[in-house]
Amino acid sequence: MWEFEHDTKKNGYQQIAGIDEAGRGPLAGPVVSAAVILPEDFTCPGVTDSKKISEKKREALFPLIKRQALGVGIGLADHQEIDQINILAASLLSMKRAVLNLAVSPNHLPPDFVLPDFLLVDGKFTIDMDLPQLAIIKGDSRSISIAAASIIAKVTRDRIMADLHKIYPQYNFIRHKGYPTKAHKQAIVQHGPCPVHRTTFNGVILP
């Protein structure tokens, strides 16, 4: 899990950020990305692709990652932006925002902007930023930094969807987090879409 980080450091880079997103597939809510810079002595057993671990485990790892990380940034693109520019573009935009929001962990230095000198990005595409970077397919299971970012992004988005559940309980976002489950699609048929549904997605039935 450290191979990409070690190889990048051998090439002279020091502040290496892993980038990942959560929420490309749902019918509602934002897409959320995280950027994470880990120290070389990072120790947090169990960190891997957030999709491979339980919600309870992700919640337990979330504060451990934030406590040890040299920097954590969160970025999102909301449902309106997703409908306007498409989900891929919105995902990459949220990743860029995560990097721009990267801040030093309060356990190390006063909060301030941290500019990484190299990005490890999950997926096929790099980010529209003037920084050296590498796109890694299935990076969340191959890079420790991307895996940590995947957990931060997933937990953050799940919490957003839990808050939206309180506003729109008829869709039961707390259970499926906006993904296109049978129950979610039935709720859309019954109640119509709510203000945070992605109107350009198949399965969202407009009135």
C-alpha atoms as a PDB file:
ATOM      1  CA  MET A   1       0.000   0.000   0.000  1.00  0.00           C
ATOM      2  CA  TRP A   2       3.031   2.311   0.320  1.00  0.00           C
ATOM      3  CA  GLU A   3       4.600   1.514  -3.070  1.00  0.00           C
ATOM      4  CA  PHE A   4       3.397   4.622  -4.902  1.00  0.00           C
ATOM      5  CA  GLU A   5       4.262   6.919  -2.000  1.00  0.00           C
ATOM      6  CA  HIS A   6       7.769   5.485  -1.669  1.00  0.00           C
ATOM      7  CA  ASP A   7       8.433   5.605  -5.410  1.00  0.00           C
ATOM      8  CA  THR A   8       7.245   9.212  -5.556  1.00  0.00           C
ATOM      9  CA  LYS A   9       9.488  10.209  -2.657  1.00  0.00           C
ATOM     10  CA  LYS A  10      12.453   8.565  -4.393  1.00  0.00           C
ATOM     11  CA  ASN A  11      11.857  11.065  -7.198  1.00  0.00           C
ATOM     12  CA  GLY A  12      12.273  13.959  -4.777  1.00  0.00           C
ATOM     13  CA  TYR A  13       8.690  14.781  -3.791  1.00  0.00           C
ATOM     14  CA  GLN A  14       7.804  15.267  -0.127  1.00  0.00           C
ATOM     15  CA  GLN A  15       4.188  16.419   0.327  1.00  0.00           C
ATOM     16  CA  ILE A  16       2.289  13.625  -1.405  1.00  0.00           C
ATOM     17  CA  ALA A  17      -1.494  13.842  -1.275  1.00  0.00           C
ATOM     18  CA  GLY A  18      -3.856  10.962  -1.994  1.00  0.00           C
ATOM     19  CA  ILE A  19      -7.152  12.013  -3.587  1.00  0.00           C
ATOM     20  CA  ASP A  20     -10.422  10.088  -3.816  1.00  0.00           C
ATOM     21  CA  GLU A  21     -14.146  10.761  -4.117  1.00  0.00           C
ATOM     22  CA  ALA A  22     -17.396   9.261  -2.859  1.00  0.00           C
ATOM     23  CA  GLY A  23     -20.823   9.545  -4.404  1.00  0.00           C
ATOM     24  CA  ARG A  24     -20.573   9.251  -8.173  1.00  0.00           C
ATOM     25  CA  GLY A  25     -23.359   6.676  -8.403  1.00  0.00           C
ATOM     26  CA  PRO A  26     -26.152   8.036  -6.165  1.00  0.00           C
ATOM     27  CA  LEU A  27     -29.312   9.696  -7.461  1.00  0.00           C
ATOM     28  CA  ALA A  28     -29.171  12.446  -4.842  1.00  0.00           C
ATOM     29  CA  GLY A  29     -26.777  14.590  -2.861  1.00  0.00           C
ATOM     30  CA  PRO A  30     -23.265  15.833  -3.595  1.00  0.00           C
ATOM     31  CA  VAL A  31     -20.136  14.100  -4.737  1.00  0.00           C
ATOM     32  CA  VAL A  32     -17.511  14.501  -1.993  1.00  0.00           C
ATOM     33  CA  SER A  33     -13.743  14.251  -2.313  1.00  0.00           C
ATOM     34  CA  ALA A  34     -10.896  14.187   0.164  1.00  0.00           C
ATOM     35  CA  ALA A  35      -7.189  14.955  -0.102  1.00  0.00           C
ATOM     36  CA  VAL A  36      -4.933  13.415   2.544  1.00  0.00           C
ATOM     37  CA  ILE A  37      -1.205  13.783   3.231  1.00  0.00           C
ATOM     38  CA  LEU A  38       0.107  11.051   5.532  1.00  0.00           C
ATOM     39  CA  PRO A  39       3.329  11.025   7.558  1.00  0.00           C
ATOM     40  CA  GLU A  40       5.863   8.278   6.944  1.00  0.00           C
ATOM     41  CA  ASP A  41       5.189   6.848  10.410  1.00  0.00           C
ATOM     42  CA  PHE A  42       1.426   6.587   9.827  1.00  0.00           C
ATOM     43  CA  THR A  43       0.058   3.554  11.660  1.00  0.00           C
ATOM     44  CA  CYS A  44      -3.593   2.707  11.239  1.00  0.00           C
ATOM     45  CA  PRO A  45      -4.275  -1.000  10.600  1.00  0.00           C
ATOM     46  CA  GLY A  46      -7.273  -1.692   8.411  1.00  0.00           C
ATOM     47  CA  VAL A  47      -7.020   1.309   6.104  1.00  0.00           C
ATOM     48  CA  THR A  48      -8.038   0.208   2.600  1.00  0.00           C
ATOM     49  CA  ASP A  49     -10.675   0.954  -0.018  1.00  0.00           C
ATOM     50  CA  SER A  50     -13.666   2.338   1.914  1.00  0.00           C
ATOM     51  CA  LYS A  51     -16.046   0.129  -0.090  1.00  0.00           C
ATOM     52  CA  LYS A  52     -14.371  -2.969   1.340  1.00  0.00           C
ATOM     53  CA  ILE A  53     -14.955  -2.135   5.012  1.00  0.00           C
ATOM     54  CA  SER A  54     -18.094  -1.684   7.080  1.00  0.00           C
ATOM     55  CA  GLU A  55     -19.642   1.633   8.012  1.00  0.00           C
ATOM     56  CA  LYS A  56     -18.752   0.989  11.656  1.00  0.00           C
ATOM     57  CA  LYS A  57     -15.106   0.375  10.731  1.00  0.00           C
ATOM     58  CA  ARG A  58     -14.987   3.506   8.556  1.00  0.00           C
ATOM     59  CA  GLU A  59     -16.357   5.593  11.412  1.00  0.00           C
ATOM     60  CA  ALA A  60     -13.680   4.175  13.728  1.00  0.00           C
ATOM     61  CA  LEU A  61     -10.860   4.856  11.250  1.00  0.00           C
ATOM     62  CA  PHE A  62     -12.037   8.387  10.388  1.00  0.00           C
ATOM     63  CA  PRO A  63     -10.755  10.148  13.553  1.00  0.00           C
ATOM     64  CA  LEU A  64      -7.559   8.070  13.586  1.00  0.00           C
ATOM     65  CA  ILE A  65      -6.693   9.180  10.061  1.00  0.00           C
ATOM     66  CA  LYS A  66      -7.505  12.817  10.792  1.00  0.00           C
ATOM     67  CA  ARG A  67      -5.451  12.747  13.981  1.00  0.00           C
ATOM     68  CA  GLN A  68      -2.309  11.395  12.303  1.00  0.00           C
ATOM     69  CA  ALA A  69      -2.541  13.063   8.900  1.00  0.00           C
ATOM     70  CA  LEU A  70      -0.279  15.982   8.102  1.00  0.00           C
ATOM     71  CA  GLY A  71      -3.122  17.482   6.131  1.00  0.00           C
ATOM     72  CA  VAL A  72      -6.749  16.765   5.228  1.00  0.00           C
ATOM     73  CA  GLY A  73      -8.881  18.629   2.701  1.00  0.00           C
ATOM     74  CA  ILE A  74     -12.552  18.174   1.793  1.00  0.00           C
ATOM     75  CA  GLY A  75     -14.181  19.328  -1.432  1.00  0.00           C
ATOM     76  CA  LEU A  76     -17.616  18.749  -2.885  1.00  0.00           C
ATOM     77  CA  ALA A  77     -19.757  19.465  -5.906  1.00  0.00           C
ATOM     78  CA  ASP A  78     -23.478  19.623  -5.214  1.00  0.00           C
ATOM     79  CA  HIS A  79     -26.371  18.104  -7.134  1.00  0.00           C
ATOM     80  CA  GLN A  80     -26.888  21.260  -9.202  1.00  0.00           C
ATOM     81  CA  GLU A  81     -23.285  21.302 -10.380  1.00  0.00           C
ATOM     82  CA  ILE A  82     -23.517  17.596 -11.185  1.00  0.00           C
ATOM     83  CA  ASP A  83     -26.565  18.239 -13.373  1.00  0.00           C
ATOM     84  CA  GLN A  84     -24.897  21.213 -15.041  1.00  0.00           C
ATOM     85  CA  ILE A  85     -21.496  19.779 -15.925  1.00  0.00           C
ATOM     86  CA  ASN A  86     -21.955  15.958 -15.598  1.00  0.00           C
ATOM     87  CA  ILE A  87     -20.816  13.646 -12.836  1.00  0.00           C
ATOM     88  CA  LEU A  88     -17.275  13.045 -14.103  1.00  0.00           C
ATOM     89  CA  ALA A  89     -16.503  16.747 -14.385  1.00  0.00           C
ATOM     90  CA  ALA A  90     -18.140  17.377 -11.012  1.00  0.00           C
ATOM     91  CA  SER A  91     -16.086  14.600  -9.397  1.00  0.00           C
ATOM     92  CA  LEU A  92     -12.844  16.087 -10.718  1.00  0.00           C
ATOM     93  CA  LEU A  93     -13.957  19.550  -9.602  1.00  0.00           C
ATOM     94  CA  SER A  94     -14.626  18.256  -6.083  1.00  0.00           C
ATOM     95  CA  MET A  95     -11.155  16.687  -6.073  1.00  0.00           C
ATOM     96  CA  LYS A  96      -9.590  20.017  -7.048  1.00  0.00           C
ATOM     97  CA  ARG A  97     -11.510  21.734  -4.259  1.00  0.00           C
ATOM     98  CA  ALA A  98     -10.291  19.118  -1.780  1.00  0.00           C
ATOM     99  CA  VAL A  99      -6.687  19.931  -2.689  1.00  0.00           C
ATOM    100  CA  LEU A 100      -7.375  23.677  -2.444  1.00  0.00           C
ATOM    101  CA  ASN A 101      -8.927  23.115   0.993  1.00  0.00           C
ATOM    102  CA  LEU A 102      -6.023  21.028   2.246  1.00  0.00           C
ATOM    103  CA  ALA A 103      -5.125  22.185   5.744  1.00  0.00           C
ATOM    104  CA  VAL A 104      -2.503  21.122   8.221  1.00  0.00           C
ATOM    105  CA  SER A 105      -3.812  18.884  10.967  1.00  0.00           C
ATOM    106  CA  PRO A 106      -4.388  20.920  14.153  1.00  0.00           C
ATOM    107  CA  ASN A 107      -2.313  18.334  15.991  1.00  0.00           C
ATOM    108  CA  HIS A 108       0.803  19.478  14.151  1.00  0.00           C
ATOM    109  CA  LEU A 109       0.730  23.153  13.210  1.00  0.00           C
ATOM    110  CA  PRO A 110      -1.770  26.025  13.237  1.00  0.00           C
ATOM    111  CA  PRO A 111      -4.325  25.460  10.467  1.00  0.00           C
ATOM    112  CA  ASP A 112      -3.025  26.815   7.200  1.00  0.00           C
ATOM    113  CA  PHE A 113      -3.079  25.958   3.527  1.00  0.00           C
ATOM    114  CA  VAL A 114      -0.747  23.138   2.560  1.00  0.00           C
ATOM    115  CA  LEU A 115       0.364  22.871  -1.045  1.00  0.00           C
ATOM    116  CA  PRO A 116       1.254  19.282  -1.885  1.00  0.00           C
ATOM    117  CA  ASP A 117       4.020  18.767  -4.418  1.00  0.00           C
ATOM    118  CA  PHE A 118       2.555  15.561  -5.878  1.00  0.00           C
ATOM    119  CA  LEU A 119      -0.952  14.096  -6.210  1.00  0.00           C
ATOM    120  CA  LEU A 120      -1.953  10.441  -6.320  1.00  0.00           C
ATOM    121  CA  VAL A 121      -5.453  10.439  -7.813  1.00  0.00           C
ATOM    122  CA  ASP A 122      -7.852   7.521  -7.771  1.00  0.00           C
ATOM    123  CA  GLY A 123      -9.204   6.562 -11.188  1.00  0.00           C
ATOM    124  CA  LYS A 124      -8.299   7.178 -14.826  1.00  0.00           C
ATOM    125  CA  PHE A 125      -8.140  10.960 -14.813  1.00  0.00           C
ATOM    126  CA  THR A 126      -5.905  13.626 -13.301  1.00  0.00           C
ATOM    127  CA  ILE A 127      -7.093  16.947 -11.884  1.00  0.00           C
ATOM    128  CA  ASP A 128      -6.995  20.312 -13.655  1.00  0.00           C
ATOM    129  CA  MET A 129      -4.179  21.657 -11.491  1.00  0.00           C
ATOM    130  CA  ASP A 130      -0.616  22.703 -12.212  1.00  0.00           C
ATOM    131  CA  LEU A 131       0.850  19.996  -9.983  1.00  0.00           C
ATOM    132  CA  PRO A 132       2.670  16.750 -10.821  1.00  0.00           C
ATOM    133  CA  GLN A 133       0.215  13.903 -10.441  1.00  0.00           C
ATOM    134  CA  LEU A 134      -0.514  10.289 -11.224  1.00  0.00           C
ATOM    135  CA  ALA A 135      -3.910   8.717 -11.862  1.00  0.00           C
ATOM    136  CA  ILE A 136      -4.119   5.186 -10.424  1.00  0.00           C
ATOM    137  CA  ILE A 137      -6.917   2.826 -11.404  1.00  0.00           C
ATOM    138  CA  LYS A 138      -8.281   1.163  -8.257  1.00  0.00           C
ATOM    139  CA  GLY A 139      -5.926   3.399  -6.331  1.00  0.00           C
ATOM    140  CA  ASP A 140      -8.018   3.128  -3.181  1.00  0.00           C
ATOM    141  CA  SER A 141      -6.846  -0.478  -2.819  1.00  0.00           C
ATOM    142  CA  ARG A 142      -3.274   0.155  -4.011  1.00  0.00           C
ATOM    143  CA  SER A 143      -2.191   3.390  -2.282  1.00  0.00           C
ATOM    144  CA  ILE A 144      -2.397   4.046   1.463  1.00  0.00           C
ATOM    145  CA  SER A 145      -2.892   7.788   0.905  1.00  0.00           C
ATOM    146  CA  ILE A 146      -5.760   7.258  -1.540  1.00  0.00           C
ATOM    147  CA  ALA A 147      -7.295   4.629   0.759  1.00  0.00           C
ATOM    148  CA  ALA A 148      -7.217   7.106   3.652  1.00  0.00           C
ATOM    149  CA  ALA A 149      -8.806   9.745   1.406  1.00  0.00           C
ATOM    150  CA  SER A 150     -11.520   7.294   0.366  1.00  0.00           C
ATOM    151  CA  ILE A 151     -12.492   6.746   3.997  1.00  0.00           C
ATOM    152  CA  ILE A 152     -12.525  10.469   4.790  1.00  0.00           C
ATOM    153  CA  ALA A 153     -14.633  11.181   1.692  1.00  0.00           C
ATOM    154  CA  LYS A 154     -17.080   8.330   2.297  1.00  0.00           C
ATOM    155  CA  VAL A 155     -17.688   9.109   5.969  1.00  0.00           C
ATOM    156  CA  THR A 156     -18.080  12.819   5.223  1.00  0.00           C
ATOM    157  CA  ARG A 157     -20.615  12.145   2.482  1.00  0.00           C
ATOM    158  CA  ASP A 158     -22.545   9.627   4.583  1.00  0.00           C
ATOM    159  CA  ARG A 159     -22.886  12.246   7.303  1.00  0.00           C
ATOM    160  CA  ILE A 160     -24.182  14.770   4.783  1.00  0.00           C
ATOM    161  CA  MET A 161     -26.770  12.265   3.617  1.00  0.00           C
ATOM    162  CA  ALA A 162     -27.769  11.579   7.236  1.00  0.00           C
ATOM    163  CA  ASP A 163     -28.430  15.306   7.638  1.00  0.00           C
ATOM    164  CA  LEU A 164     -30.456  15.348   4.408  1.00  0.00           C
ATOM    165  CA  HIS A 165     -32.474  12.404   5.737  1.00  0.00           C
ATOM    166  CA  LYS A 166     -33.709  14.647   8.550  1.00  0.00           C
ATOM    167  CA  ILE A 167     -34.993  17.130   5.982  1.00  0.00           C
ATOM    168  CA  TYR A 168     -36.403  14.580   3.517  1.00  0.00           C
ATOM    169  CA  PRO A 169     -37.181  11.465   5.624  1.00  0.00           C
ATOM    170  CA  GLN A 170     -39.571  10.029   3.024  1.00  0.00           C
ATOM    171  CA  TYR A 171     -36.606   8.939   0.883  1.00  0.00           C
ATOM    172  CA  ASN A 172     -34.748   7.150   3.696  1.00  0.00           C
ATOM    173  CA  PHE A 173     -31.354   8.603   2.738  1.00  0.00           C
ATOM    174  CA  ILE A 174     -29.989   7.395   6.081  1.00  0.00           C
ATOM    175  CA  ARG A 175     -30.192   3.822   4.792  1.00  0.00           C
ATOM    176  CA  HIS A 176     -29.072   3.923   1.148  1.00  0.00           C
ATOM    177  CA  LYS A 177     -27.205   7.283   1.094  1.00  0.00           C
ATOM    178  CA  GLY A 178     -28.924   8.224  -2.154  1.00  0.00           C
ATOM    179  CA  TYR A 179     -27.830   5.183  -4.154  1.00  0.00           C
ATOM    180  CA  PRO A 180     -30.347   3.739  -6.653  1.00  0.00           C
ATOM    181  CA  THR A 181     -31.803   0.961  -4.523  1.00  0.00           C
ATOM    182  CA  LYS A 182     -35.219  -0.455  -5.273  1.00  0.00           C
ATOM    183  CA  ALA A 183     -36.670   1.260  -2.205  1.00  0.00           C
ATOM    184  CA  HIS A 184     -35.156   4.607  -3.185  1.00  0.00           C
ATOM    185  CA  LYS A 185     -36.551   4.380  -6.716  1.00  0.00           C
ATOM    186  CA  GLN A 186     -39.979   3.483  -5.331  1.00  0.00           C
ATOM    187  CA  ALA A 187     -39.830   6.515  -3.027  1.00  0.00           C
ATOM    188  CA  ILE A 188     -39.087   8.747  -6.008  1.00  0.00           C
ATOM    189  CA  VAL A 189     -42.055   7.296  -7.877  1.00  0.00           C
ATOM    190  CA  GLN A 190     -44.296   7.842  -4.857  1.00  0.00           C
ATOM    191  CA  HIS A 191     -43.128  11.296  -3.787  1.00  0.00           C
ATOM    192  CA  GLY A 192     -41.371  12.668  -6.844  1.00  0.00           C
ATOM    193  CA  PRO A 193     -37.815  14.007  -6.639  1.00  0.00           C
ATOM    194  CA  CYS A 194     -36.784  16.316  -3.816  1.00  0.00           C
ATOM    195  CA  PRO A 195     -34.579  19.440  -4.203  1.00  0.00           C
ATOM    196  CA  VAL A 196     -31.330  17.450  -3.771  1.00  0.00           C
ATOM    197  CA  HIS A 197     -32.018  14.793  -6.399  1.00  0.00           C
ATOM    198  CA  ARG A 198     -29.838  14.756  -9.516  1.00  0.00           C
ATOM    199  CA  THR A 199     -32.391  15.457 -12.232  1.00  0.00           C
ATOM    200  CA  THR A 200     -30.159  14.285 -15.100  1.00  0.00           C
ATOM    201  CA  PHE A 201     -29.733  10.764 -13.648  1.00  0.00           C
ATOM    202  CA  ASN A 202     -31.718   7.780 -14.873  1.00  0.00           C
ATOM    203  CA  GLY A 203     -34.167   6.810 -12.152  1.00  0.00           C
ATOM    204  CA  VAL A 204     -35.012  10.360 -11.117  1.00  0.00           C
ATOM    205  CA  ILE A 205     -38.505  10.890 -12.468  1.00  0.00           C
ATOM    206  CA  LEU A 206     -39.373  14.527 -13.006  1.00  0.00           C
ATOM    207  CA  PRO A 207     -42.927  15.739 -12.363  1.00  0.00           C
END
